[in-house]
């Protein structure tokens, strides 16, 4: 699954590193792409938006609008 979210207050590369580090401690995340003002997290489905909000809050930022998209695999 992939969750994309806006992150309020991120304005520099230090912010990006802080959020990336906070997300690294969340079990179930396979990959995190963090940019100024946004995150894209690939996970196993056990990670909720609320859990992402909690992790990002530890870094001092607020997750705003978020959406989770399920990957659909083609049938053989």
Protein backbone atom coordinates (compact mmCIF):
# COMPACT_ATOMS: atom_id res chain seq x y z
CA UNK A 1 0.00 0.00 0.00
CA UNK A 2 1.07 3.58 -0.53
CA UNK A 3 0.09 6.50 1.68
CA UNK A 4 0.70 10.07 0.54
CA UNK A 5 0.33 13.02 2.89
CA UNK A 6 1.02 16.72 3.19
CA UNK A 7 3.25 17.72 6.11
CA UNK A 8 2.86 21.21 7.51
CA UNK A 9 5.87 23.19 8.68
CA UNK A 10 8.56 21.47 6.60
CA UNK A 11 10.62 24.17 4.92
CA UNK A 12 14.18 22.84 4.58
CA UNK A 13 16.38 19.77 4.23
CA UNK A 14 16.80 19.59 8.01
CA UNK A 15 13.02 19.15 8.23
CA UNK A 16 13.16 16.40 5.60
CA UNK A 17 15.85 14.52 7.54
CA UNK A 18 13.94 14.86 10.82
CA UNK A 19 10.74 13.44 9.31
CA UNK A 20 12.60 10.67 7.47
CA UNK A 21 14.31 9.65 10.71
CA UNK A 22 10.99 9.64 12.57
CA UNK A 23 9.40 7.42 9.91
CA UNK A 24 12.35 5.00 10.02
CA UNK A 25 11.17 3.86 13.44
CA UNK A 26 7.71 2.79 12.24
CA UNK A 27 7.33 -0.97 11.78
CA UNK A 28 5.77 -2.00 8.48
CA UNK A 29 7.25 0.76 6.33
CA UNK A 30 9.16 -0.62 3.35
CA UNK A 31 10.11 2.74 1.83
CA UNK A 32 9.63 6.40 2.65
CA UNK A 33 10.08 9.25 0.20
CA UNK A 34 10.20 12.54 2.08
CA UNK A 35 10.28 15.93 0.39
CA UNK A 36 9.64 19.44 1.59
CA UNK A 37 5.99 19.49 2.60
CA UNK A 38 5.06 15.92 1.65
CA UNK A 39 5.66 12.25 2.34
CA UNK A 40 5.01 9.10 0.33
CA UNK A 41 5.20 5.89 2.33
CA UNK A 42 5.10 2.36 0.95
CA UNK A 43 4.01 -0.09 3.65
CA UNK A 44 2.57 -3.53 4.30
CA UNK A 45 -0.92 -2.29 5.20
CA UNK A 46 -0.42 -2.35 8.95
CA UNK A 47 0.58 1.32 9.03
CA UNK A 48 -2.32 3.71 9.60
CA UNK A 49 -2.47 7.42 8.83
CA UNK A 50 -2.80 7.98 12.58
CA UNK A 51 0.48 6.10 13.18
CA UNK A 52 2.18 8.28 10.57
CA UNK A 53 0.76 11.38 12.27
CA UNK A 54 2.20 10.22 15.61
CA UNK A 55 5.65 9.54 14.15
CA UNK A 56 5.81 12.86 12.30
CA UNK A 57 4.60 14.70 15.42
CA UNK A 58 7.65 13.36 17.28
CA UNK A 59 9.77 15.23 14.72
CA UNK A 60 7.76 18.39 15.41
CA UNK A 61 5.55 18.51 12.31
CA UNK A 62 1.86 17.97 11.53
CA UNK A 63 0.45 15.59 8.92
CA UNK A 64 -2.40 17.25 7.08
CA UNK A 65 -4.40 15.77 4.22
CA UNK A 66 -3.56 12.10 3.61
CA UNK A 67 -4.72 9.31 1.35
CA UNK A 68 -3.92 5.60 1.14
CA UNK A 69 -3.99 3.77 -2.17
CA UNK A 70 -4.03 0.02 -2.35
CA UNK A 71 -1.94 -1.52 -5.07
CA UNK A 72 -3.87 -3.82 -7.32
CA UNK A 73 -1.88 -6.67 -8.77
CA UNK A 74 -2.94 -8.00 -12.18
CA UNK A 75 -4.47 -11.44 -12.28
CA UNK A 76 -2.38 -14.02 -14.10
